[in-house]
N, C-alpha and C. Protein backbone atom coordinates (compact mmCIF):
# COMPACT_ATOMS: atom_id res chain seq x y z
N MET A 1 -20.92 54.04 -53.41
CA MET A 1 -20.08 53.02 -52.86
C MET A 1 -19.55 52.18 -54.02
N SER A 2 -18.27 51.80 -53.92
CA SER A 2 -17.66 51.03 -55.01
C SER A 2 -18.09 49.58 -54.91
N SER A 3 -17.95 48.87 -56.00
CA SER A 3 -18.35 47.47 -56.00
C SER A 3 -17.44 46.66 -55.09
N ARG A 4 -16.17 47.11 -54.96
CA ARG A 4 -15.23 46.43 -54.06
C ARG A 4 -15.70 46.57 -52.60
N THR A 5 -16.15 47.72 -52.17
CA THR A 5 -16.66 47.97 -50.83
C THR A 5 -17.94 47.16 -50.61
N THR A 6 -18.80 47.13 -51.60
CA THR A 6 -20.04 46.36 -51.50
C THR A 6 -19.74 44.89 -51.29
N ARG A 7 -18.73 44.37 -52.04
CA ARG A 7 -18.37 42.96 -51.88
C ARG A 7 -17.82 42.70 -50.49
N ARG A 8 -17.01 43.61 -49.95
CA ARG A 8 -16.45 43.43 -48.60
C ARG A 8 -17.56 43.44 -47.54
N ILE A 9 -18.51 44.34 -47.68
CA ILE A 9 -19.62 44.41 -46.72
C ILE A 9 -20.46 43.14 -46.81
N THR A 10 -20.73 42.70 -48.04
CA THR A 10 -21.51 41.47 -48.23
C THR A 10 -20.77 40.28 -47.63
N ALA A 11 -19.46 40.19 -47.86
CA ALA A 11 -18.67 39.09 -47.31
C ALA A 11 -18.70 39.12 -45.78
N ALA A 12 -18.58 40.32 -45.21
CA ALA A 12 -18.60 40.45 -43.75
C ALA A 12 -19.96 40.04 -43.19
N LEU A 13 -21.04 40.44 -43.86
CA LEU A 13 -22.38 40.05 -43.41
C LEU A 13 -22.58 38.54 -43.50
N LEU A 14 -22.10 37.94 -44.59
CA LEU A 14 -22.23 36.49 -44.74
C LEU A 14 -21.43 35.76 -43.66
N ALA A 15 -20.23 36.25 -43.35
CA ALA A 15 -19.41 35.63 -42.31
C ALA A 15 -20.11 35.74 -40.95
N THR A 16 -20.69 36.89 -40.67
CA THR A 16 -21.41 37.09 -39.41
C THR A 16 -22.62 36.16 -39.34
N THR A 17 -23.35 36.03 -40.44
CA THR A 17 -24.51 35.14 -40.48
C THR A 17 -24.09 33.69 -40.29
N ALA A 18 -22.99 33.28 -40.92
CA ALA A 18 -22.49 31.91 -40.77
C ALA A 18 -22.06 31.64 -39.33
N THR A 19 -21.40 32.63 -38.71
CA THR A 19 -20.98 32.48 -37.32
C THR A 19 -22.20 32.35 -36.41
N ALA A 20 -23.20 33.18 -36.63
CA ALA A 20 -24.42 33.13 -35.83
C ALA A 20 -25.12 31.79 -36.02
N ALA A 21 -25.15 31.29 -37.25
CA ALA A 21 -25.78 29.99 -37.51
C ALA A 21 -25.01 28.88 -36.81
N ALA A 22 -23.68 28.96 -36.84
CA ALA A 22 -22.87 27.94 -36.18
C ALA A 22 -23.08 27.97 -34.67
N LEU A 23 -23.15 29.17 -34.11
CA LEU A 23 -23.40 29.30 -32.69
C LEU A 23 -24.78 28.77 -32.33
N GLY A 24 -25.75 29.05 -33.17
CA GLY A 24 -27.10 28.56 -32.95
C GLY A 24 -27.13 27.05 -33.01
N ALA A 25 -26.41 26.45 -33.94
CA ALA A 25 -26.36 24.99 -34.05
C ALA A 25 -25.69 24.40 -32.83
N GLY A 26 -24.70 25.10 -32.31
CA GLY A 26 -24.03 24.62 -31.10
C GLY A 26 -24.96 24.62 -29.91
N ALA A 27 -25.97 25.45 -29.93
CA ALA A 27 -26.90 25.52 -28.81
C ALA A 27 -27.95 24.42 -28.89
N LEU A 28 -28.09 23.75 -30.02
CA LEU A 28 -29.12 22.73 -30.15
C LEU A 28 -28.97 21.57 -29.16
N PRO A 29 -27.78 21.04 -28.93
CA PRO A 29 -27.72 19.96 -27.95
C PRO A 29 -28.21 20.38 -26.57
N ALA A 30 -27.96 21.61 -26.16
CA ALA A 30 -28.45 22.07 -24.86
C ALA A 30 -29.97 22.10 -24.86
N ALA A 31 -30.57 22.53 -25.95
CA ALA A 31 -32.03 22.55 -26.04
C ALA A 31 -32.57 21.13 -26.00
N ALA A 32 -31.91 20.22 -26.69
CA ALA A 32 -32.34 18.82 -26.67
C ALA A 32 -32.20 18.27 -25.25
N ASP A 33 -31.13 18.65 -24.54
CA ASP A 33 -30.91 18.19 -23.19
C ASP A 33 -32.02 18.69 -22.27
N SER A 34 -32.40 19.97 -22.42
CA SER A 34 -33.45 20.50 -21.55
C SER A 34 -34.77 19.82 -21.85
N SER A 35 -34.99 19.38 -23.08
CA SER A 35 -36.22 18.67 -23.39
C SER A 35 -36.20 17.30 -22.71
N GLN A 36 -35.01 16.67 -22.59
CA GLN A 36 -34.92 15.41 -21.85
C GLN A 36 -35.22 15.66 -20.38
N GLN A 37 -34.73 16.76 -19.83
CA GLN A 37 -35.00 17.08 -18.43
C GLN A 37 -36.50 17.28 -18.23
N ALA A 38 -37.16 17.92 -19.19
CA ALA A 38 -38.60 18.14 -19.07
C ALA A 38 -39.34 16.81 -19.06
N ARG A 39 -38.89 15.87 -19.88
CA ARG A 39 -39.50 14.54 -19.91
C ARG A 39 -39.34 13.85 -18.56
N ARG A 40 -38.18 14.02 -17.95
CA ARG A 40 -37.91 13.37 -16.67
C ARG A 40 -38.83 13.86 -15.58
N SER A 41 -39.35 15.07 -15.70
CA SER A 41 -40.22 15.59 -14.67
C SER A 41 -41.54 14.82 -14.62
N HIS A 42 -41.80 13.97 -15.59
CA HIS A 42 -43.01 13.14 -15.59
C HIS A 42 -42.84 11.90 -14.71
N VAL A 43 -41.65 11.69 -14.18
CA VAL A 43 -41.38 10.54 -13.32
C VAL A 43 -41.58 10.98 -11.88
N VAL A 44 -42.41 10.21 -11.15
CA VAL A 44 -42.76 10.59 -9.78
C VAL A 44 -42.70 9.38 -8.86
N ILE A 45 -42.59 9.67 -7.57
CA ILE A 45 -42.79 8.65 -6.55
C ILE A 45 -44.30 8.56 -6.37
N SER A 46 -44.90 7.46 -6.79
CA SER A 46 -46.35 7.36 -6.79
C SER A 46 -46.91 6.71 -5.52
N GLN A 47 -46.16 5.79 -4.91
CA GLN A 47 -46.61 5.14 -3.69
C GLN A 47 -45.40 4.71 -2.86
N VAL A 48 -45.61 4.64 -1.55
CA VAL A 48 -44.56 4.13 -0.66
C VAL A 48 -45.22 3.18 0.34
N GLN A 49 -44.70 1.97 0.41
CA GLN A 49 -45.10 1.01 1.44
C GLN A 49 -43.93 0.94 2.41
N TYR A 50 -43.91 1.86 3.38
CA TYR A 50 -42.76 1.95 4.28
C TYR A 50 -42.87 1.04 5.49
N ASP A 51 -44.05 0.57 5.81
CA ASP A 51 -44.25 -0.32 6.95
C ASP A 51 -44.74 -1.65 6.38
N SER A 52 -43.84 -2.60 6.20
CA SER A 52 -44.24 -3.86 5.58
C SER A 52 -45.31 -4.53 6.43
N PRO A 53 -46.35 -5.06 5.79
CA PRO A 53 -47.44 -5.70 6.53
C PRO A 53 -46.93 -6.90 7.34
N GLY A 54 -47.53 -7.11 8.50
CA GLY A 54 -47.13 -8.23 9.34
C GLY A 54 -46.01 -7.84 10.29
N ARG A 55 -45.39 -8.86 10.87
CA ARG A 55 -44.29 -8.63 11.81
C ARG A 55 -43.04 -8.18 11.08
N ASP A 56 -42.33 -7.25 11.67
CA ASP A 56 -41.03 -6.83 11.13
C ASP A 56 -39.97 -7.80 11.64
N ASP A 57 -39.81 -8.93 10.95
CA ASP A 57 -38.88 -9.96 11.40
C ASP A 57 -37.60 -10.01 10.56
N ARG A 58 -37.43 -9.05 9.68
CA ARG A 58 -36.26 -8.92 8.80
C ARG A 58 -36.08 -10.11 7.87
N SER A 59 -37.13 -10.90 7.67
CA SER A 59 -37.06 -11.96 6.68
C SER A 59 -37.07 -11.31 5.29
N ASN A 60 -36.54 -12.02 4.32
CA ASN A 60 -36.52 -11.47 2.96
C ASN A 60 -37.94 -11.18 2.48
N ARG A 61 -38.88 -12.04 2.86
CA ARG A 61 -40.28 -11.84 2.47
C ARG A 61 -40.81 -10.52 3.05
N SER A 62 -40.52 -10.27 4.32
CA SER A 62 -40.96 -9.03 4.96
C SER A 62 -40.25 -7.82 4.35
N LEU A 63 -38.94 -7.95 4.11
CA LEU A 63 -38.18 -6.84 3.53
C LEU A 63 -38.73 -6.47 2.15
N ASN A 64 -39.16 -7.45 1.36
CA ASN A 64 -39.66 -7.17 0.02
C ASN A 64 -41.08 -6.62 0.01
N LYS A 65 -41.74 -6.65 1.18
CA LYS A 65 -43.06 -6.01 1.29
C LYS A 65 -42.91 -4.53 1.61
N GLU A 66 -41.69 -4.07 1.79
CA GLU A 66 -41.37 -2.64 1.94
C GLU A 66 -40.86 -2.19 0.59
N TRP A 67 -41.52 -1.19 -0.02
CA TRP A 67 -41.14 -0.76 -1.37
C TRP A 67 -41.54 0.68 -1.64
N VAL A 68 -40.93 1.21 -2.68
CA VAL A 68 -41.29 2.54 -3.20
C VAL A 68 -41.62 2.33 -4.68
N GLU A 69 -42.74 2.90 -5.09
CA GLU A 69 -43.16 2.77 -6.49
C GLU A 69 -42.85 4.06 -7.23
N ILE A 70 -42.16 3.91 -8.36
CA ILE A 70 -41.80 5.03 -9.23
C ILE A 70 -42.65 4.89 -10.49
N THR A 71 -43.32 5.97 -10.90
CA THR A 71 -44.21 5.93 -12.06
C THR A 71 -43.80 6.97 -13.09
N ASN A 72 -43.79 6.56 -14.33
CA ASN A 72 -43.57 7.48 -15.46
C ASN A 72 -44.95 7.89 -15.95
N GLU A 73 -45.37 9.11 -15.63
CA GLU A 73 -46.68 9.60 -16.03
C GLU A 73 -46.69 10.12 -17.46
N GLY A 74 -45.52 10.18 -18.08
CA GLY A 74 -45.42 10.65 -19.46
C GLY A 74 -45.63 9.53 -20.46
N ARG A 75 -45.61 9.89 -21.74
CA ARG A 75 -45.80 8.91 -22.82
C ARG A 75 -44.51 8.23 -23.22
N ARG A 76 -43.40 8.94 -23.12
CA ARG A 76 -42.12 8.42 -23.60
C ARG A 76 -41.37 7.66 -22.51
N SER A 77 -40.61 6.66 -22.94
CA SER A 77 -39.78 5.90 -22.01
C SER A 77 -38.69 6.80 -21.43
N VAL A 78 -38.28 6.48 -20.21
CA VAL A 78 -37.20 7.20 -19.54
C VAL A 78 -36.17 6.18 -19.08
N ASN A 79 -34.91 6.44 -19.41
CA ASN A 79 -33.81 5.58 -18.98
C ASN A 79 -33.42 5.98 -17.56
N LEU A 80 -33.61 5.08 -16.60
CA LEU A 80 -33.31 5.37 -15.19
C LEU A 80 -31.88 5.04 -14.80
N ASP A 81 -31.05 4.64 -15.74
CA ASP A 81 -29.66 4.28 -15.46
C ASP A 81 -28.96 5.42 -14.72
N GLY A 82 -28.46 5.15 -13.53
CA GLY A 82 -27.76 6.16 -12.74
C GLY A 82 -28.65 6.99 -11.83
N TRP A 83 -29.96 6.84 -11.93
CA TRP A 83 -30.87 7.55 -11.02
C TRP A 83 -30.75 6.92 -9.64
N THR A 84 -31.05 7.69 -8.59
CA THR A 84 -30.96 7.18 -7.23
C THR A 84 -32.26 7.40 -6.46
N LEU A 85 -32.48 6.52 -5.49
CA LEU A 85 -33.58 6.62 -4.55
C LEU A 85 -32.96 6.50 -3.17
N SER A 86 -33.18 7.50 -2.32
CA SER A 86 -32.52 7.49 -1.01
C SER A 86 -33.48 7.89 0.10
N ASP A 87 -33.10 7.56 1.34
CA ASP A 87 -33.87 7.95 2.51
C ASP A 87 -33.11 9.04 3.27
N GLU A 88 -33.68 9.49 4.38
CA GLU A 88 -33.06 10.56 5.17
C GLU A 88 -31.73 10.14 5.79
N ASP A 89 -31.53 8.85 6.02
CA ASP A 89 -30.30 8.36 6.64
C ASP A 89 -29.19 8.11 5.63
N GLY A 90 -29.46 8.35 4.36
CA GLY A 90 -28.43 8.19 3.34
C GLY A 90 -28.36 6.83 2.68
N HIS A 91 -29.28 5.91 3.03
CA HIS A 91 -29.34 4.63 2.31
C HIS A 91 -29.73 4.95 0.87
N THR A 92 -28.93 4.52 -0.09
CA THR A 92 -29.16 4.91 -1.48
C THR A 92 -29.18 3.68 -2.38
N TYR A 93 -30.20 3.62 -3.21
CA TYR A 93 -30.28 2.59 -4.25
C TYR A 93 -30.03 3.30 -5.58
N THR A 94 -29.13 2.75 -6.39
CA THR A 94 -28.84 3.32 -7.71
C THR A 94 -29.38 2.37 -8.77
N PHE A 95 -30.22 2.90 -9.66
CA PHE A 95 -30.77 2.10 -10.74
C PHE A 95 -29.67 1.72 -11.72
N GLY A 96 -29.70 0.47 -12.14
CA GLY A 96 -28.82 0.01 -13.21
C GLY A 96 -29.50 0.29 -14.54
N HIS A 97 -29.29 -0.54 -15.49
CA HIS A 97 -29.90 -0.34 -16.81
C HIS A 97 -31.38 -0.69 -16.73
N TYR A 98 -32.21 0.33 -16.50
CA TYR A 98 -33.65 0.10 -16.41
C TYR A 98 -34.37 1.19 -17.19
N ARG A 99 -35.17 0.77 -18.15
CA ARG A 99 -35.96 1.70 -18.95
C ARG A 99 -37.41 1.62 -18.47
N LEU A 100 -37.93 2.76 -18.00
CA LEU A 100 -39.30 2.83 -17.52
C LEU A 100 -40.17 3.38 -18.65
N ARG A 101 -41.00 2.50 -19.19
CA ARG A 101 -41.86 2.88 -20.32
C ARG A 101 -42.90 3.89 -19.87
N GLY A 102 -43.46 4.59 -20.85
CA GLY A 102 -44.51 5.56 -20.56
C GLY A 102 -45.71 4.92 -19.88
N HIS A 103 -46.26 5.63 -18.90
CA HIS A 103 -47.44 5.19 -18.16
C HIS A 103 -47.22 3.84 -17.46
N GLN A 104 -45.98 3.55 -17.09
CA GLN A 104 -45.65 2.32 -16.38
C GLN A 104 -45.01 2.66 -15.04
N SER A 105 -44.95 1.67 -14.15
CA SER A 105 -44.36 1.84 -12.82
C SER A 105 -43.36 0.74 -12.55
N VAL A 106 -42.44 1.03 -11.62
CA VAL A 106 -41.51 0.02 -11.13
C VAL A 106 -41.48 0.14 -9.61
N ARG A 107 -41.51 -1.01 -8.94
CA ARG A 107 -41.41 -1.02 -7.49
C ARG A 107 -39.98 -1.36 -7.09
N VAL A 108 -39.44 -0.53 -6.21
CA VAL A 108 -38.09 -0.74 -5.69
C VAL A 108 -38.25 -1.39 -4.32
N HIS A 109 -38.03 -2.71 -4.26
CA HIS A 109 -38.18 -3.48 -3.02
C HIS A 109 -36.88 -3.42 -2.23
N THR A 110 -37.00 -3.54 -0.91
CA THR A 110 -35.83 -3.45 -0.04
C THR A 110 -34.99 -4.73 -0.05
N GLY A 111 -35.63 -5.89 -0.06
CA GLY A 111 -34.93 -7.17 0.08
C GLY A 111 -34.22 -7.65 -1.17
N GLU A 112 -33.96 -8.96 -1.18
CA GLU A 112 -33.19 -9.58 -2.26
C GLU A 112 -34.11 -10.34 -3.21
N ASN A 113 -33.78 -10.30 -4.48
CA ASN A 113 -34.43 -11.09 -5.51
C ASN A 113 -33.82 -10.70 -6.84
N ARG A 114 -34.26 -11.34 -7.90
CA ARG A 114 -33.77 -11.01 -9.24
C ARG A 114 -34.64 -9.92 -9.83
N ASP A 115 -34.01 -8.85 -10.34
CA ASP A 115 -34.76 -7.77 -10.98
C ASP A 115 -35.54 -8.32 -12.16
N ARG A 116 -36.74 -7.80 -12.34
CA ARG A 116 -37.58 -8.18 -13.48
C ARG A 116 -38.45 -6.98 -13.83
N ASP A 117 -39.17 -7.10 -14.91
CA ASP A 117 -40.02 -6.00 -15.37
C ASP A 117 -40.98 -5.57 -14.27
N GLY A 118 -40.93 -4.31 -13.90
CA GLY A 118 -41.82 -3.77 -12.88
C GLY A 118 -41.34 -3.92 -11.45
N HIS A 119 -40.23 -4.63 -11.23
CA HIS A 119 -39.72 -4.87 -9.87
C HIS A 119 -38.20 -4.90 -9.89
N VAL A 120 -37.60 -4.07 -9.03
CA VAL A 120 -36.15 -4.13 -8.82
C VAL A 120 -35.92 -4.27 -7.32
N PHE A 121 -34.75 -4.77 -6.95
CA PHE A 121 -34.49 -5.11 -5.56
C PHE A 121 -33.17 -4.49 -5.11
N GLN A 122 -33.21 -3.92 -3.89
CA GLN A 122 -32.02 -3.28 -3.33
C GLN A 122 -31.03 -4.29 -2.77
N ASP A 123 -31.47 -5.52 -2.57
CA ASP A 123 -30.62 -6.59 -2.02
C ASP A 123 -30.08 -6.26 -0.63
N ARG A 124 -30.94 -5.70 0.20
CA ARG A 124 -30.56 -5.35 1.58
C ARG A 124 -31.10 -6.40 2.55
N ARG A 125 -30.47 -6.45 3.71
CA ARG A 125 -30.90 -7.40 4.75
C ARG A 125 -31.48 -6.68 5.96
N ASN A 126 -31.66 -5.36 5.83
CA ASN A 126 -32.28 -4.55 6.88
C ASN A 126 -33.28 -3.60 6.23
N TYR A 127 -34.27 -3.18 6.99
CA TYR A 127 -35.26 -2.24 6.50
C TYR A 127 -34.60 -0.89 6.19
N VAL A 128 -35.13 -0.19 5.22
CA VAL A 128 -34.62 1.13 4.84
C VAL A 128 -35.54 2.22 5.35
N TRP A 129 -36.82 2.09 5.09
CA TRP A 129 -37.77 3.17 5.34
C TRP A 129 -38.26 3.14 6.78
N ASP A 130 -38.13 4.27 7.47
CA ASP A 130 -38.55 4.40 8.87
C ASP A 130 -40.08 4.42 8.92
N ASN A 131 -40.66 3.60 9.80
CA ASN A 131 -42.12 3.53 9.91
C ASN A 131 -42.73 4.80 10.49
N ARG A 132 -41.98 5.52 11.31
CA ARG A 132 -42.53 6.71 11.97
C ARG A 132 -42.42 7.97 11.12
N SER A 133 -41.28 8.17 10.48
CA SER A 133 -41.06 9.40 9.73
C SER A 133 -39.85 9.23 8.83
N ASP A 134 -39.98 9.60 7.58
CA ASP A 134 -38.87 9.49 6.64
C ASP A 134 -39.23 10.26 5.37
N THR A 135 -38.26 10.38 4.49
CA THR A 135 -38.46 11.00 3.18
C THR A 135 -37.74 10.17 2.14
N ALA A 136 -38.47 9.81 1.10
CA ALA A 136 -37.88 9.12 -0.05
C ALA A 136 -37.57 10.19 -1.08
N THR A 137 -36.33 10.21 -1.58
CA THR A 137 -35.91 11.21 -2.56
C THR A 137 -35.43 10.51 -3.82
N LEU A 138 -36.02 10.89 -4.94
CA LEU A 138 -35.63 10.36 -6.25
C LEU A 138 -34.82 11.44 -6.96
N ARG A 139 -33.62 11.07 -7.42
CA ARG A 139 -32.75 12.00 -8.14
C ARG A 139 -32.39 11.42 -9.50
N GLY A 140 -32.25 12.32 -10.49
CA GLY A 140 -31.83 11.92 -11.82
C GLY A 140 -30.34 11.60 -11.84
N ASP A 141 -29.86 11.11 -12.98
CA ASP A 141 -28.45 10.72 -13.09
C ASP A 141 -27.51 11.90 -12.95
N ASN A 142 -28.03 13.12 -13.04
CA ASN A 142 -27.22 14.32 -12.85
C ASN A 142 -27.28 14.84 -11.41
N GLY A 143 -27.99 14.10 -10.53
CA GLY A 143 -28.09 14.49 -9.13
C GLY A 143 -29.23 15.44 -8.83
N ARG A 144 -29.95 15.89 -9.86
CA ARG A 144 -31.07 16.82 -9.66
C ARG A 144 -32.25 16.10 -9.03
N ARG A 145 -32.85 16.73 -8.02
CA ARG A 145 -34.01 16.14 -7.36
C ARG A 145 -35.19 16.10 -8.33
N ILE A 146 -35.78 14.91 -8.47
CA ILE A 146 -36.93 14.72 -9.34
C ILE A 146 -38.21 14.78 -8.53
N ASP A 147 -38.25 14.07 -7.40
CA ASP A 147 -39.44 14.04 -6.56
C ASP A 147 -39.05 13.56 -5.17
N THR A 148 -39.88 13.90 -4.18
CA THR A 148 -39.73 13.38 -2.83
C THR A 148 -41.10 13.00 -2.30
N ALA A 149 -41.13 12.06 -1.40
CA ALA A 149 -42.35 11.70 -0.67
C ALA A 149 -41.97 11.58 0.79
N SER A 150 -42.71 12.25 1.67
CA SER A 150 -42.42 12.27 3.10
C SER A 150 -43.62 11.81 3.89
N TRP A 151 -43.38 11.24 5.07
CA TRP A 151 -44.45 10.82 5.95
C TRP A 151 -44.00 10.99 7.39
N GLY A 152 -45.01 11.05 8.29
CA GLY A 152 -44.73 11.21 9.73
C GLY A 152 -44.39 12.65 10.07
N ARG A 153 -44.16 12.89 11.36
CA ARG A 153 -43.76 14.22 11.88
C ARG A 153 -44.27 15.39 11.04
N GLY A 154 -45.58 15.48 10.85
CA GLY A 154 -46.16 16.62 10.15
C GLY A 154 -46.08 16.55 8.65
N HIS A 155 -45.59 15.43 8.09
CA HIS A 155 -45.47 15.30 6.64
C HIS A 155 -46.73 14.77 5.97
N GLY A 156 -47.64 14.21 6.72
CA GLY A 156 -48.78 13.50 6.14
C GLY A 156 -48.74 12.08 6.67
N HIS A 157 -49.78 11.34 6.42
CA HIS A 157 -49.88 10.00 7.01
C HIS A 157 -50.33 9.00 5.98
N GLY A 158 -50.24 7.73 6.33
CA GLY A 158 -50.66 6.65 5.45
C GLY A 158 -49.49 6.11 4.66
N ASN A 159 -49.71 5.01 3.99
CA ASN A 159 -48.65 4.35 3.22
C ASN A 159 -48.69 4.73 1.75
N SER A 160 -49.34 5.81 1.42
CA SER A 160 -49.47 6.17 0.01
C SER A 160 -48.43 7.17 -0.44
N GLY A 161 -47.48 7.48 0.39
CA GLY A 161 -46.43 8.38 -0.06
C GLY A 161 -46.39 9.68 0.69
N GLY A 162 -47.46 10.02 1.43
CA GLY A 162 -47.43 11.24 2.21
C GLY A 162 -47.34 12.49 1.35
N HIS A 163 -46.53 13.43 1.76
CA HIS A 163 -46.42 14.75 1.15
C HIS A 163 -45.33 14.72 0.05
N HIS A 164 -45.66 15.28 -1.10
CA HIS A 164 -44.70 15.29 -2.23
C HIS A 164 -44.13 16.68 -2.48
N HIS A 165 -42.87 16.69 -2.93
CA HIS A 165 -42.21 17.92 -3.40
C HIS A 165 -41.56 17.60 -4.72
N ARG A 166 -41.76 18.43 -5.72
CA ARG A 166 -41.12 18.20 -7.02
C ARG A 166 -40.25 19.37 -7.36
């Protein structure tokens, strides 16, 4: 083989290797994204207080005793901005700028108040969670289901969240 042919083959191999490296580098953001998705799977609905204690008189105090607790079981913080929490009837709460630190929880209360560390409020004047049967669904900012908790009608019983699906 002539040295000219050898140089052409070497150049072609180098170009192919550079193209493969560039394509591989282009795939890195997708891999980083899937690692973020894996981190998000550590976020769960840990408790549900769907039947506020006492009389259901629709007072703000009673409404705020109805809540869903979201827990980050992982070590890393998760940005909940754009995540949603909804019931079977389509009532949906969308998280604003809220960062849930590792091994921490936030309670999503039904009534009105000022959001603070560990507590956010839907600012509603009616109950959201059905006392007999309902499902709380947590979705990521991309709409992917993260976790659900169901109770009543064969779903499980008690105020601890009932049956979970991830």
